[in-house]
Amino acid sequence: MIAGAIQRAASAAIVVALLAAGCAPAPSEPTEPTPATPPPDAVVEPQDDTRPEDDADDTPAPNPLRREAVEVYFPAKNHDGLIGETRQIFHTSTPGDRVKQIVADLIAGPTAQRSLRAVPAGCQLRQAFVLDDGTVYLDFTGELVEGIGGGSMEELLTVYAIVDSVVLNVAEIRRAAILVNGSPVETLNGHTDLRRPLVPNVRLILGRSITKGGAPESPFAATGGVP
């Protein structure tokens, strides 16, 4: 009888242990934390996702314009020819820009005491027009006519100081025409014919005997004009 009681007690303990093992809760799976939601009236700062390399400016720096030496011509004091003086201009891609720089140096006047002004004081270049055939039209203010004096040689030197300075220094230019206040003029002072564009007259340049591009000098160089 006692043995039966012990057997029943052992069986009951086994049942309780089994029930306890089956009813134990299974371990829960780990979950992602829920992000905190800001209150409705909270100010949310924008996130700066810019990386340091994004701030770098990959735009290449523009190449500075190179300078080039040009020879600007002024009448000699004794009126026997033209004297060249070296100037520096920016080598721009547009020939008209280079022409304007050269004429500006011409208007500024010479630095050597043996030279005279090429154009009268107060004269300005109004505009420069470059055609595809290599002709440049130089439009000056009225002082170019009003301020010029002297005889035929003085007028000739004024004209070719302008023509030689421009044409001999700008490769794209072959000849130059002079206008005053936007209109053609026959002469500046009754001597040198300006009714058509002029080629350079290198024979007026003292101490030099050159031709542009090594070409033979034009037979029209002494009197001006083009063939």
Protein backbone atom coordinates (compact mmCIF):
# COMPACT_ATOMS: atom_id res chain seq x y z
CA MET A 1 0.00 0.00 0.00
CA ILE A 2 2.81 2.28 0.88
CA ALA A 3 4.57 1.45 -2.43
CA GLY A 4 1.44 2.37 -4.33
CA ALA A 5 1.28 5.72 -2.64
CA ILE A 6 4.91 6.44 -3.50
CA GLN A 7 4.33 5.50 -7.16
CA ARG A 8 1.32 7.78 -7.38
CA ALA A 9 3.28 10.68 -5.87
CA ALA A 10 6.15 10.22 -8.36
CA SER A 11 3.73 10.13 -11.27
CA ALA A 12 2.07 13.33 -10.07
CA ALA A 13 5.48 15.08 -9.85
CA ILE A 14 6.35 14.05 -13.40
CA VAL A 15 2.98 15.39 -14.66
CA VAL A 16 3.52 18.72 -12.86
CA ALA A 17 7.03 19.02 -14.35
CA LEU A 18 5.77 18.33 -17.84
CA LEU A 19 2.93 20.83 -17.46
CA ALA A 20 5.36 23.43 -16.20
CA ALA A 21 7.70 22.93 -19.16
CA GLY A 22 4.87 23.14 -21.73
CA CYS A 23 3.30 26.29 -20.27
CA ALA A 24 6.53 28.29 -20.06
CA PRO A 25 6.48 31.23 -22.49
CA ALA A 26 8.80 30.95 -25.51
CA PRO A 27 11.62 33.49 -25.72
CA SER A 28 10.54 36.50 -27.80
CA GLU A 29 12.33 37.55 -31.01
CA PRO A 30 14.33 40.80 -30.76
CA THR A 31 12.52 43.73 -32.44
CA GLU A 32 13.79 46.94 -34.03
CA PRO A 33 13.44 49.97 -31.78
CA THR A 34 10.59 52.25 -32.84
CA PRO A 35 11.94 55.72 -33.77
CA ALA A 36 10.73 58.49 -31.58
CA THR A 37 8.13 60.70 -33.23
CA PRO A 38 8.67 64.42 -32.60
CA PRO A 39 5.70 66.33 -31.21
CA PRO A 40 3.61 68.28 -33.77
CA ASP A 41 5.04 71.67 -32.78
CA ALA A 42 8.68 70.53 -32.87
CA VAL A 43 11.05 72.12 -35.41
CA VAL A 44 12.97 69.47 -37.32
CA GLU A 45 16.38 70.61 -38.54
CA PRO A 46 17.26 69.41 -42.11
CA GLN A 47 20.04 66.89 -42.32
CA ASP A 48 23.22 68.04 -44.09
CA ASP A 49 24.19 65.16 -46.35
CA THR A 50 26.86 67.18 -48.17
CA ARG A 51 30.13 65.35 -48.31
CA PRO A 52 33.39 67.34 -48.16
CA GLU A 53 34.26 66.40 -51.74
CA ASP A 54 30.91 67.80 -52.95
CA ASP A 55 32.02 71.30 -51.91
CA ALA A 56 35.00 71.26 -54.25
CA ASP A 57 34.62 73.43 -57.36
CA ASP A 58 35.63 71.33 -60.34
CA THR A 59 35.33 74.28 -62.77
CA PRO A 60 38.76 74.93 -64.29
CA ALA A 61 40.15 78.42 -63.78
CA PRO A 62 40.13 80.54 -66.96
CA ASN A 63 43.48 80.92 -68.68
CA PRO A 64 44.83 84.46 -68.34
CA LEU A 65 45.22 86.36 -71.59
CA ARG A 66 48.81 86.44 -72.75
CA ARG A 67 50.39 89.73 -73.68
CA GLU A 68 52.24 90.48 -76.89
CA ALA A 69 54.56 93.22 -78.03
CA VAL A 70 53.46 95.52 -80.84
CA GLU A 71 55.18 98.38 -82.62
CA VAL A 72 53.26 101.67 -82.58
CA TYR A 73 54.44 104.38 -85.00
CA PHE A 74 54.71 108.12 -84.40
CA PRO A 75 55.88 110.97 -86.66
CA ALA A 76 59.48 112.02 -86.15
CA LYS A 77 60.01 115.57 -84.93
CA ASN A 78 61.79 116.55 -88.14
CA HIS A 79 58.93 115.04 -90.20
CA ASP A 80 61.18 112.71 -92.18
CA GLY A 81 59.38 109.49 -91.30
CA LEU A 82 57.82 107.32 -88.60
CA ILE A 83 59.51 106.09 -85.42
CA GLY A 84 58.34 102.85 -83.81
CA GLU A 85 57.82 102.42 -80.08
CA THR A 86 57.12 99.06 -78.44
CA ARG A 87 53.91 98.60 -76.51
CA GLN A 88 52.26 95.62 -74.80
CA ILE A 89 48.68 94.59 -75.59
CA PHE A 90 46.49 91.62 -74.66
CA HIS A 91 46.37 88.97 -77.36
CA THR A 92 42.60 88.60 -77.64
CA SER A 93 40.94 86.24 -80.12
CA THR A 94 39.06 89.11 -81.77
CA PRO A 95 41.18 91.27 -84.10
CA GLY A 96 38.94 94.27 -83.50
CA ASP A 97 39.85 94.21 -79.80
CA ARG A 98 43.56 94.22 -80.61
CA VAL A 99 43.03 97.09 -83.08
CA LYS A 100 41.35 99.17 -80.36
CA GLN A 101 44.23 98.55 -77.94
CA ILE A 102 46.78 99.63 -80.53
CA VAL A 103 44.88 102.79 -81.44
CA ALA A 104 44.51 103.59 -77.73
CA ASP A 105 48.32 103.45 -77.40
CA LEU A 106 48.61 105.60 -80.52
CA ILE A 107 46.24 108.20 -79.07
CA ALA A 108 48.13 108.18 -75.74
CA GLY A 109 51.15 109.56 -77.58
CA PRO A 110 54.87 108.78 -77.75
CA THR A 111 57.31 108.40 -74.89
CA ALA A 112 60.43 109.31 -76.89
CA GLN A 113 61.26 113.01 -77.13
CA ARG A 114 62.22 112.64 -80.78
CA SER A 115 58.63 111.74 -81.73
CA LEU A 116 55.41 113.73 -82.09
CA ARG A 117 51.79 112.85 -81.44
CA ALA A 118 50.26 110.84 -84.28
CA VAL A 119 46.75 112.27 -83.86
CA PRO A 120 45.59 115.65 -82.52
CA ALA A 121 44.89 116.02 -78.81
CA GLY A 122 41.32 115.15 -77.88
CA CYS A 123 40.84 112.79 -80.83
CA GLN A 124 39.23 109.46 -79.93
CA LEU A 125 38.42 106.23 -81.74
CA ARG A 126 34.65 105.88 -81.93
CA GLN A 127 34.61 102.32 -83.30
CA ALA A 128 36.61 99.79 -85.31
CA PHE A 129 34.89 97.53 -87.85
CA VAL A 130 36.76 94.51 -89.22
CA LEU A 131 35.49 92.88 -92.42
CA ASP A 132 36.06 89.29 -93.51
CA ASP A 133 38.31 90.44 -96.38
CA GLY A 134 40.84 91.90 -93.92
CA THR A 135 39.74 95.53 -94.15
CA VAL A 136 39.33 97.52 -90.95
CA TYR A 137 37.32 100.75 -90.82
CA LEU A 138 38.59 103.11 -88.12
CA ASP A 139 36.00 105.68 -87.12
CA PHE A 140 37.51 108.71 -85.35
CA THR A 141 35.96 111.77 -83.76
CA GLY A 142 36.06 115.14 -85.55
CA GLU A 143 39.27 116.24 -83.83
CA LEU A 144 41.22 114.14 -86.32
CA VAL A 145 40.31 116.67 -89.04
CA GLU A 146 39.88 119.79 -86.93
CA GLY A 147 43.20 119.50 -85.09
CA ILE A 148 45.51 118.55 -87.91
CA GLY A 149 47.79 121.17 -89.38
CA GLY A 150 50.95 121.55 -91.38
CA GLY A 151 51.65 120.54 -94.92
CA SER A 152 51.38 117.40 -96.99
CA MET A 153 54.17 115.50 -95.19
CA GLU A 154 52.62 116.06 -91.76
CA GLU A 155 49.29 114.80 -93.05
CA LEU A 156 50.92 111.79 -94.71
CA LEU A 157 52.70 110.83 -91.48
CA THR A 158 49.49 111.12 -89.47
CA VAL A 159 47.63 108.85 -91.87
CA TYR A 160 50.33 106.18 -92.04
CA ALA A 161 51.06 106.29 -88.34
CA ILE A 162 47.50 105.01 -87.99
CA VAL A 163 47.54 102.59 -90.93
CA ASP A 164 50.98 101.08 -90.25
CA SER A 165 50.39 100.70 -86.50
CA VAL A 166 47.20 98.74 -87.06
CA VAL A 167 47.89 96.68 -90.19
CA LEU A 168 51.48 95.66 -89.39
CA ASN A 169 50.57 94.40 -85.91
CA VAL A 170 47.31 92.49 -86.50
CA ALA A 171 47.73 89.45 -88.73
CA GLU A 172 44.08 89.37 -89.76
CA ILE A 173 44.17 92.95 -91.09
CA ARG A 174 45.38 93.74 -94.63
CA ARG A 175 44.29 97.36 -95.12
CA ALA A 176 42.71 100.22 -93.16
CA ALA A 177 40.16 102.89 -94.01
CA ILE A 178 39.74 106.09 -92.02
CA LEU A 179 36.31 107.52 -91.21
CA VAL A 180 35.39 110.65 -89.26
CA ASN A 181 32.20 110.70 -87.20
CA GLY A 182 30.94 107.64 -89.08
CA SER A 183 31.43 109.04 -92.59
CA PRO A 184 34.14 108.69 -95.27
CA VAL A 185 36.43 111.65 -95.84
CA GLU A 186 38.42 112.49 -98.95
CA THR A 187 41.45 113.81 -97.04
CA LEU A 188 42.37 115.10 -93.59
CA ASN A 189 43.96 118.31 -94.80
CA GLY A 190 43.70 118.30 -98.59
CA HIS A 191 46.63 116.03 -99.47
CA THR A 192 46.48 112.27 -98.77
CA ASP A 193 43.62 110.49 -100.56
CA LEU A 194 41.44 108.59 -98.07
CA ARG A 195 38.63 107.61 -100.43
CA ARG A 196 39.67 103.96 -100.32
CA PRO A 197 41.37 101.67 -97.78
CA LEU A 198 45.15 101.97 -97.52
CA VAL A 199 47.87 99.34 -97.26
CA PRO A 200 50.91 100.03 -95.06
CA ASN A 201 53.70 102.26 -96.30
CA VAL A 202 56.74 100.65 -94.67
CA ARG A 203 59.13 102.97 -96.51
CA LEU A 204 58.09 105.72 -94.11
CA ILE A 205 59.33 103.74 -91.09
CA LEU A 206 62.79 104.99 -90.12
CA GLY A 207 65.41 102.30 -89.66
CA ARG A 208 63.23 99.47 -90.93
CA SER A 209 62.60 97.93 -94.31
CA ILE A 210 60.01 95.23 -93.65
CA THR A 211 56.89 93.91 -95.26
CA LYS A 212 54.04 92.20 -93.49
CA GLY A 213 54.32 88.43 -93.64
CA GLY A 214 57.43 88.61 -95.82
CA ALA A 215 55.38 89.41 -98.94
CA PRO A 216 56.74 91.79 -101.55
CA GLU A 217 55.87 95.40 -100.84
CA SER A 218 52.79 96.58 -102.68
CA PRO A 219 53.42 98.93 -105.60
CA PHE A 220 50.68 101.08 -104.06
CA ALA A 221 52.56 101.50 -100.76
CA ALA A 222 54.05 104.90 -101.60
CA THR A 223 50.76 106.56 -102.44
CA GLY A 224 48.30 104.42 -100.49
CA GLY A 225 45.36 102.44 -101.74
CA VAL A 226 44.93 98.83 -102.77
CA PRO A 227 45.15 97.12 -106.14
